[in-house]
């Protein structure tokens, strides 16, 4: 039934507007939950990674909020953490599960089958883990974009999703105070935020989208990826 409704909406050009409305409502609900339990989830995740000897650092919206807003961005629906791909523990999923994190989704590269992002659910909140890969003097993570024309289930069953690479300068990480917690952040936070959001990152843009990132170091690629639901 769901697939039939989607096909009808796609055929009459209403699928994307409906998805945008649904996502907007979901984001608002998640943002409210973040205000109550976001710090609890961040503390729990940091504890798991610390026990495994891994530096899980703030990135994307979580890093921007910490640096610019000194807290979570009011409309951010999740928390973004990064870890170096070469440091991913073999028992990561087991340790996260034991701490109450349920692995919900993985983004997997089509050609290499490499996992580049994982989403966990903790108390109805989403935690996104980006795997950062070294390339010369930079690190990059992979951003999965919406399919050019297809709804996500059809895209996932056929040619997958287009991808961007988000480059940031490689640097050390340090513990900094964040809402009473000591959390890992890149030493060159300013450089990271300029690379991701452009030089104007101190100006809030609620509907920021990577597709409009021509003044950043986010690069559109020919790579494709798929979603693996867990």
C-alpha atoms as a PDB file:
ATOM      1  CA  UNK A   1       0.000   0.000   0.000  1.00  0.00           C
ATOM      2  CA  UNK A   2       2.810   2.358   0.928  1.00  0.00           C
ATOM      3  CA  UNK A   3       4.598   1.791  -2.399  1.00  0.00           C
ATOM      4  CA  UNK A   4       1.403   2.424  -4.350  1.00  0.00           C
ATOM      5  CA  UNK A   5       0.787   5.725  -2.540  1.00  0.00           C
ATOM      6  CA  UNK A   6       4.396   6.779  -3.184  1.00  0.00           C
ATOM      7  CA  UNK A   7       4.105   5.995  -6.894  1.00  0.00           C
ATOM      8  CA  UNK A   8       0.941   8.073  -7.134  1.00  0.00           C
ATOM      9  CA  UNK A   9       2.508  11.007  -5.296  1.00  0.00           C
ATOM     10  CA  UNK A  10       5.620  10.829  -7.480  1.00  0.00           C
ATOM     11  CA  UNK A  11       3.529  10.723 -10.666  1.00  0.00           C
ATOM     12  CA  UNK A  12       1.597  13.867  -9.740  1.00  0.00           C
ATOM     13  CA  UNK A  13       4.627  15.719  -8.401  1.00  0.00           C
ATOM     14  CA  UNK A  14       3.588  15.764  -4.746  1.00  0.00           C
ATOM     15  CA  UNK A  15       6.061  13.284  -3.310  1.00  0.00           C
ATOM     16  CA  UNK A  16       8.900  15.721  -2.552  1.00  0.00           C
ATOM     17  CA  UNK A  17       6.614  18.402  -0.999  1.00  0.00           C
ATOM     18  CA  UNK A  18       4.985  15.743   1.218  1.00  0.00           C
ATOM     19  CA  UNK A  19       8.361  14.383   2.316  1.00  0.00           C
ATOM     20  CA  UNK A  20       9.563  17.899   3.148  1.00  0.00           C
ATOM     21  CA  UNK A  21       6.502  18.521   5.321  1.00  0.00           C
ATOM     22  CA  UNK A  22       6.855  15.177   7.107  1.00  0.00           C
ATOM     23  CA  UNK A  23      10.578  15.721   7.673  1.00  0.00           C
ATOM     24  CA  UNK A  24       9.947  19.228   8.989  1.00  0.00           C
ATOM     25  CA  UNK A  25       7.528  17.864  11.583  1.00  0.00           C
ATOM     26  CA  UNK A  26       9.957  15.061  12.522  1.00  0.00           C
ATOM     27  CA  UNK A  27      12.823  17.535  12.898  1.00  0.00           C
ATOM     28  CA  UNK A  28      10.778  19.772  15.179  1.00  0.00           C
ATOM     29  CA  UNK A  29       9.809  16.819  17.382  1.00  0.00           C
ATOM     30  CA  UNK A  30      13.401  15.585  17.519  1.00  0.00           C
ATOM     31  CA  UNK A  31      14.706  19.079  18.269  1.00  0.00           C
ATOM     32  CA  UNK A  32      12.397  19.283  21.296  1.00  0.00           C
ATOM     33  CA  UNK A  33      13.635  15.896  22.492  1.00  0.00           C
ATOM     34  CA  UNK A  34      17.216  17.061  22.044  1.00  0.00           C
ATOM     35  CA  UNK A  35      16.653  19.874  24.521  1.00  0.00           C
ATOM     36  CA  UNK A  36      15.683  17.355  27.196  1.00  0.00           C
ATOM     37  CA  UNK A  37      17.907  14.332  26.545  1.00  0.00           C
ATOM     38  CA  UNK A  38      20.606  15.428  24.106  1.00  0.00           C
ATOM     39  CA  UNK A  39      23.220  16.003  26.780  1.00  0.00           C
ATOM     40  CA  UNK A  40      22.432  12.638  28.364  1.00  0.00           C
ATOM     41  CA  UNK A  41      22.977  10.890  25.025  1.00  0.00           C
ATOM     42  CA  UNK A  42      26.218  12.775  24.359  1.00  0.00           C
ATOM     43  CA  UNK A  43      27.579  11.879  27.795  1.00  0.00           C
ATOM     44  CA  UNK A  44      26.668   8.218  27.295  1.00  0.00           C
ATOM     45  CA  UNK A  45      28.306   8.088  23.851  1.00  0.00           C
ATOM     46  CA  UNK A  46      31.453   9.819  25.072  1.00  0.00           C
ATOM     47  CA  UNK A  47      31.721   7.308  27.921  1.00  0.00           C
ATOM     48  CA  UNK A  48      31.507   4.344  25.520  1.00  0.00           C
ATOM     49  CA  UNK A  49      34.147   5.710  23.160  1.00  0.00           C
ATOM     50  CA  UNK A  50      36.430   6.775  26.007  1.00  0.00           C
ATOM     51  CA  UNK A  51      36.327   3.263  27.447  1.00  0.00           C
ATOM     52  CA  UNK A  52      37.379   1.949  24.018  1.00  0.00           C
ATOM     53  CA  UNK A  53      40.216   4.477  23.794  1.00  0.00           C
ATOM     54  CA  UNK A  54      38.663   6.291  20.818  1.00  0.00           C
ATOM     55  CA  UNK A  55      38.387  10.075  20.432  1.00  0.00           C
ATOM     56  CA  UNK A  56      34.811  10.724  19.306  1.00  0.00           C
ATOM     57  CA  UNK A  57      34.723  14.421  18.411  1.00  0.00           C
ATOM     58  CA  UNK A  58      31.934  16.874  17.685  1.00  0.00           C
ATOM     59  CA  UNK A  59      31.392  17.631  14.018  1.00  0.00           C
ATOM     60  CA  UNK A  60      28.836  19.293  11.721  1.00  0.00           C
ATOM     61  CA  UNK A  61      25.865  20.797  13.588  1.00  0.00           C
ATOM     62  CA  UNK A  62      27.037  19.648  17.008  1.00  0.00           C
ATOM     63  CA  UNK A  63      30.421  21.343  16.533  1.00  0.00           C
ATOM     64  CA  UNK A  64      28.819  24.466  15.111  1.00  0.00           C
ATOM     65  CA  UNK A  65      26.454  24.704  18.080  1.00  0.00           C
ATOM     66  CA  UNK A  66      29.248  24.204  20.591  1.00  0.00           C
ATOM     67  CA  UNK A  67      31.441  26.889  19.012  1.00  0.00           C
ATOM     68  CA  UNK A  68      28.880  29.470  17.935  1.00  0.00           C
ATOM     69  CA  UNK A  69      25.927  28.963  20.286  1.00  0.00           C
ATOM     70  CA  UNK A  70      27.773  27.435  23.262  1.00  0.00           C
ATOM     71  CA  UNK A  71      25.233  24.621  23.293  1.00  0.00           C
ATOM     72  CA  UNK A  72      23.008  22.630  20.984  1.00  0.00           C
ATOM     73  CA  UNK A  73      21.522  24.490  18.030  1.00  0.00           C
ATOM     74  CA  UNK A  74      17.864  24.999  18.947  1.00  0.00           C
ATOM     75  CA  UNK A  75      16.532  23.398  15.759  1.00  0.00           C
ATOM     76  CA  UNK A  76      19.120  20.591  15.440  1.00  0.00           C
ATOM     77  CA  UNK A  77      17.363  17.171  15.531  1.00  0.00           C
ATOM     78  CA  UNK A  78      20.417  14.991  16.264  1.00  0.00           C
ATOM     79  CA  UNK A  79      24.042  14.893  17.421  1.00  0.00           C
ATOM     80  CA  UNK A  80      26.919  14.474  14.971  1.00  0.00           C
ATOM     81  CA  UNK A  81      30.131  12.817  16.120  1.00  0.00           C
ATOM     82  CA  UNK A  82      33.181  11.884  14.088  1.00  0.00           C
ATOM     83  CA  UNK A  83      35.820   9.217  14.578  1.00  0.00           C
ATOM     84  CA  UNK A  84      38.869   8.450  12.493  1.00  0.00           C
ATOM     85  CA  UNK A  85      38.146   5.536  10.150  1.00  0.00           C
ATOM     86  CA  UNK A  86      41.446   3.894  11.037  1.00  0.00           C
ATOM     87  CA  UNK A  87      40.450   3.859  14.723  1.00  0.00           C
ATOM     88  CA  UNK A  88      37.040   2.183  14.408  1.00  0.00           C
ATOM     89  CA  UNK A  89      36.979  -0.592  17.033  1.00  0.00           C
ATOM     90  CA  UNK A  90      36.033  -4.118  15.975  1.00  0.00           C
ATOM     91  CA  UNK A  91      33.595  -4.389  18.880  1.00  0.00           C
ATOM     92  CA  UNK A  92      32.034  -0.943  18.378  1.00  0.00           C
ATOM     93  CA  UNK A  93      28.507  -2.212  17.748  1.00  0.00           C
ATOM     94  CA  UNK A  94      28.594  -4.554  20.731  1.00  0.00           C
ATOM     95  CA  UNK A  95      29.819  -1.853  23.102  1.00  0.00           C
ATOM     96  CA  UNK A  96      27.272   0.664  21.827  1.00  0.00           C
ATOM     97  CA  UNK A  97      24.437  -1.854  22.177  1.00  0.00           C
ATOM     98  CA  UNK A  98      25.475  -2.604  25.755  1.00  0.00           C
ATOM     99  CA  UNK A  99      25.289   1.114  26.532  1.00  0.00           C
ATOM    100  CA  UNK A 100      21.746   1.423  25.171  1.00  0.00           C
ATOM    101  CA  UNK A 101      22.502   2.545  21.604  1.00  0.00           C
ATOM    102  CA  UNK A 102      20.619   0.657  18.886  1.00  0.00           C
ATOM    103  CA  UNK A 103      22.279   0.607  15.452  1.00  0.00           C
ATOM    104  CA  UNK A 104      19.581   1.883  13.101  1.00  0.00           C
ATOM    105  CA  UNK A 105      21.259   2.560   9.747  1.00  0.00           C
ATOM    106  CA  UNK A 106      24.570   2.447   7.900  1.00  0.00           C
ATOM    107  CA  UNK A 107      25.558   4.344   4.770  1.00  0.00           C
ATOM    108  CA  UNK A 108      27.674   2.030   2.619  1.00  0.00           C
ATOM    109  CA  UNK A 109      29.707   2.977  -0.458  1.00  0.00           C
ATOM    110  CA  UNK A 110      28.534   1.176  -3.595  1.00  0.00           C
ATOM    111  CA  UNK A 111      31.941   0.213  -5.002  1.00  0.00           C
ATOM    112  CA  UNK A 112      34.060  -0.411  -1.922  1.00  0.00           C
ATOM    113  CA  UNK A 113      31.288  -1.570   0.468  1.00  0.00           C
ATOM    114  CA  UNK A 114      32.917   0.670   3.059  1.00  0.00           C
ATOM    115  CA  UNK A 115      30.703   1.965   5.868  1.00  0.00           C
ATOM    116  CA  UNK A 116      31.088   5.754   6.016  1.00  0.00           C
ATOM    117  CA  UNK A 117      28.315   6.756   8.419  1.00  0.00           C
ATOM    118  CA  UNK A 118      26.208   5.067  11.067  1.00  0.00           C
ATOM    119  CA  UNK A 119      23.074   6.200  12.860  1.00  0.00           C
ATOM    120  CA  UNK A 120      22.254   4.976  16.361  1.00  0.00           C
ATOM    121  CA  UNK A 121      19.061   5.488  18.330  1.00  0.00           C
ATOM    122  CA  UNK A 122      19.242   6.257  22.040  1.00  0.00           C
ATOM    123  CA  UNK A 123      16.061   7.087  23.969  1.00  0.00           C
ATOM    124  CA  UNK A 124      14.301   8.097  20.713  1.00  0.00           C
ATOM    125  CA  UNK A 125      17.190  10.387  19.754  1.00  0.00           C
ATOM    126  CA  UNK A 126      19.497   9.977  16.768  1.00  0.00           C
ATOM    127  CA  UNK A 127      23.282   9.894  17.005  1.00  0.00           C
ATOM    128  CA  UNK A 128      25.141  10.104  13.688  1.00  0.00           C
ATOM    129  CA  UNK A 129      28.706   8.778  13.587  1.00  0.00           C
ATOM    130  CA  UNK A 130      30.801   9.904  10.603  1.00  0.00           C
ATOM    131  CA  UNK A 131      33.946   7.959   9.722  1.00  0.00           C
ATOM    132  CA  UNK A 132      36.707  10.419   8.771  1.00  0.00           C
ATOM    133  CA  UNK A 133      39.262   9.274   6.206  1.00  0.00           C
ATOM    134  CA  UNK A 134      42.768  10.716   5.820  1.00  0.00           C
ATOM    135  CA  UNK A 135      43.739  12.134   2.430  1.00  0.00           C
ATOM    136  CA  UNK A 136      47.024  14.032   2.371  1.00  0.00           C
ATOM    137  CA  UNK A 137      46.815  16.973   4.769  1.00  0.00           C
ATOM    138  CA  UNK A 138      43.050  16.694   5.019  1.00  0.00           C
ATOM    139  CA  UNK A 139      40.348  14.500   6.457  1.00  0.00           C
ATOM    140  CA  UNK A 140      37.056  13.910   4.718  1.00  0.00           C
ATOM    141  CA  UNK A 141      33.701  12.379   5.540  1.00  0.00           C
ATOM    142  CA  UNK A 142      31.028  11.307   3.074  1.00  0.00           C
ATOM    143  CA  UNK A 143      27.630  12.984   2.937  1.00  0.00           C
ATOM    144  CA  UNK A 144      24.830  11.020   1.309  1.00  0.00           C
ATOM    145  CA  UNK A 145      22.480  13.260  -0.681  1.00  0.00           C
ATOM    146  CA  UNK A 146      18.930  12.702  -1.875  1.00  0.00           C
ATOM    147  CA  UNK A 147      18.481  10.849  -5.147  1.00  0.00           C
ATOM    148  CA  UNK A 148      18.146  13.051  -8.185  1.00  0.00           C
ATOM    149  CA  UNK A 149      14.645  11.814  -9.083  1.00  0.00           C
ATOM    150  CA  UNK A 150      13.668   8.701  -7.104  1.00  0.00           C
ATOM    151  CA  UNK A 151      12.151   8.259  -3.649  1.00  0.00           C
ATOM    152  CA  UNK A 152      14.543   6.670  -1.182  1.00  0.00           C
ATOM    153  CA  UNK A 153      13.311   3.062  -1.257  1.00  0.00           C
ATOM    154  CA  UNK A 154      13.459   2.871  -5.044  1.00  0.00           C
ATOM    155  CA  UNK A 155      16.858   4.581  -5.053  1.00  0.00           C
ATOM    156  CA  UNK A 156      18.167   2.170  -2.456  1.00  0.00           C
ATOM    157  CA  UNK A 157      17.000  -0.790  -4.528  1.00  0.00           C
ATOM    158  CA  UNK A 158      18.497   0.492  -7.792  1.00  0.00           C
ATOM    159  CA  UNK A 159      21.367   2.938  -8.361  1.00  0.00           C
ATOM    160  CA  UNK A 160      21.787   4.311  -4.841  1.00  0.00           C
ATOM    161  CA  UNK A 161      22.360   7.892  -3.729  1.00  0.00           C
ATOM    162  CA  UNK A 162      24.790  10.601  -4.904  1.00  0.00           C
ATOM    163  CA  UNK A 163      27.528  11.550  -2.461  1.00  0.00           C
ATOM    164  CA  UNK A 164      29.592  14.553  -1.427  1.00  0.00           C
ATOM    165  CA  UNK A 165      32.962  14.582   0.260  1.00  0.00           C
ATOM    166  CA  UNK A 166      33.301  17.100   3.065  1.00  0.00           C
ATOM    167  CA  UNK A 167      36.975  18.019   3.483  1.00  0.00           C
ATOM    168  CA  UNK A 168      38.422  19.553   6.654  1.00  0.00           C
ATOM    169  CA  UNK A 169      42.033  20.261   7.662  1.00  0.00           C
ATOM    170  CA  UNK A 170      43.648  17.394   9.549  1.00  0.00           C
ATOM    171  CA  UNK A 171      44.514  18.471  13.083  1.00  0.00           C
ATOM    172  CA  UNK A 172      44.762  17.272  16.646  1.00  0.00           C
ATOM    173  CA  UNK A 173      41.778  17.015  18.971  1.00  0.00           C
ATOM    174  CA  UNK A 174      41.403  18.348  22.493  1.00  0.00           C
ATOM    175  CA  UNK A 175      38.949  18.091  25.346  1.00  0.00           C
ATOM    176  CA  UNK A 176      36.836  21.222  25.811  1.00  0.00           C
ATOM    177  CA  UNK A 177      34.006  22.136  28.136  1.00  0.00           C
ATOM    178  CA  UNK A 178      30.548  21.707  26.644  1.00  0.00           C
ATOM    179  CA  UNK A 179      27.499  22.195  28.856  1.00  0.00           C
ATOM    180  CA  UNK A 180      29.332  20.780  31.832  1.00  0.00           C
ATOM    181  CA  UNK A 181      30.957  17.896  29.928  1.00  0.00           C
ATOM    182  CA  UNK A 182      34.503  17.538  28.630  1.00  0.00           C
ATOM    183  CA  UNK A 183      34.113  16.608  24.943  1.00  0.00           C
ATOM    184  CA  UNK A 184      36.634  16.107  22.132  1.00  0.00           C
ATOM    185  CA  UNK A 185      36.707  18.829  19.476  1.00  0.00           C
ATOM    186  CA  UNK A 186      39.173  19.614  16.658  1.00  0.00           C
ATOM    187  CA  UNK A 187      41.857  22.086  17.699  1.00  0.00           C
ATOM    188  CA  UNK A 188      41.285  23.939  14.414  1.00  0.00           C
ATOM    189  CA  UNK A 189      37.545  24.304  14.985  1.00  0.00           C
ATOM    190  CA  UNK A 190      37.395  27.559  13.035  1.00  0.00           C
ATOM    191  CA  UNK A 191      39.056  25.910  10.036  1.00  0.00           C
ATOM    192  CA  UNK A 192      36.629  22.999  10.172  1.00  0.00           C
ATOM    193  CA  UNK A 193      33.547  25.199  10.330  1.00  0.00           C
ATOM    194  CA  UNK A 194      34.763  27.405   7.479  1.00  0.00           C
ATOM    195  CA  UNK A 195      35.408  24.286   5.398  1.00  0.00           C
ATOM    196  CA  UNK A 196      31.929  22.893   6.100  1.00  0.00           C
ATOM    197  CA  UNK A 197      29.710  25.974   6.284  1.00  0.00           C
ATOM    198  CA  UNK A 198      31.806  28.731   4.617  1.00  0.00           C
ATOM    199  CA  UNK A 199      33.270  31.871   6.170  1.00  0.00           C
ATOM    200  CA  UNK A 200      29.780  33.030   7.171  1.00  0.00           C
ATOM    201  CA  UNK A 201      29.192  30.142   9.582  1.00  0.00           C
ATOM    202  CA  UNK A 202      28.597  32.516  12.497  1.00  0.00           C
ATOM    203  CA  UNK A 203      25.349  33.598  10.828  1.00  0.00           C
ATOM    204  CA  UNK A 204      22.577  31.035  11.553  1.00  0.00           C
ATOM    205  CA  UNK A 205      20.968  29.480   8.460  1.00  0.00           C
ATOM    206  CA  UNK A 206      18.140  27.200   9.544  1.00  0.00           C
ATOM    207  CA  UNK A 207      17.670  25.413   6.228  1.00  0.00           C
ATOM    208  CA  UNK A 208      21.354  25.036   5.328  1.00  0.00           C
ATOM    209  CA  UNK A 209      21.906  22.312   2.736  1.00  0.00           C
ATOM    210  CA  UNK A 210      25.131  20.801   1.438  1.00  0.00           C
ATOM    211  CA  UNK A 211      23.896  21.172  -2.142  1.00  0.00           C
ATOM    212  CA  UNK A 212      24.306  24.942  -1.778  1.00  0.00           C
ATOM    213  CA  UNK A 213      27.845  24.601  -0.475  1.00  0.00           C
ATOM    214  CA  UNK A 214      29.794  26.023  -3.418  1.00  0.00           C
ATOM    215  CA  UNK A 215      31.763  28.334  -1.114  1.00  0.00           C
ATOM    216  CA  UNK A 216      32.852  25.497   1.180  1.00  0.00           C
ATOM    217  CA  UNK A 217      35.150  22.504   0.825  1.00  0.00           C
ATOM    218  CA  UNK A 218      32.284  20.111   0.221  1.00  0.00           C
ATOM    219  CA  UNK A 219      32.905  18.439  -3.132  1.00  0.00           C
ATOM    220  CA  UNK A 220      30.241  16.779  -5.299  1.00  0.00           C
ATOM    221  CA  UNK A 221      31.503  13.389  -6.512  1.00  0.00           C
ATOM    222  CA  UNK A 222      30.437  10.590  -8.844  1.00  0.00           C
ATOM    223  CA  UNK A 223      30.385   8.141  -5.942  1.00  0.00           C
ATOM    224  CA  UNK A 224      27.184   6.387  -4.934  1.00  0.00           C
ATOM    225  CA  UNK A 225      26.117   4.864  -1.642  1.00  0.00           C
ATOM    226  CA  UNK A 226      23.297   2.796  -0.193  1.00  0.00           C
ATOM    227  CA  UNK A 227      21.439   2.668   3.089  1.00  0.00           C
ATOM    228  CA  UNK A 228      21.650  -0.531   5.097  1.00  0.00           C
ATOM    229  CA  UNK A 229      18.865  -0.682   7.667  1.00  0.00           C
ATOM    230  CA  UNK A 230      19.824  -2.675  10.745  1.00  0.00           C
END
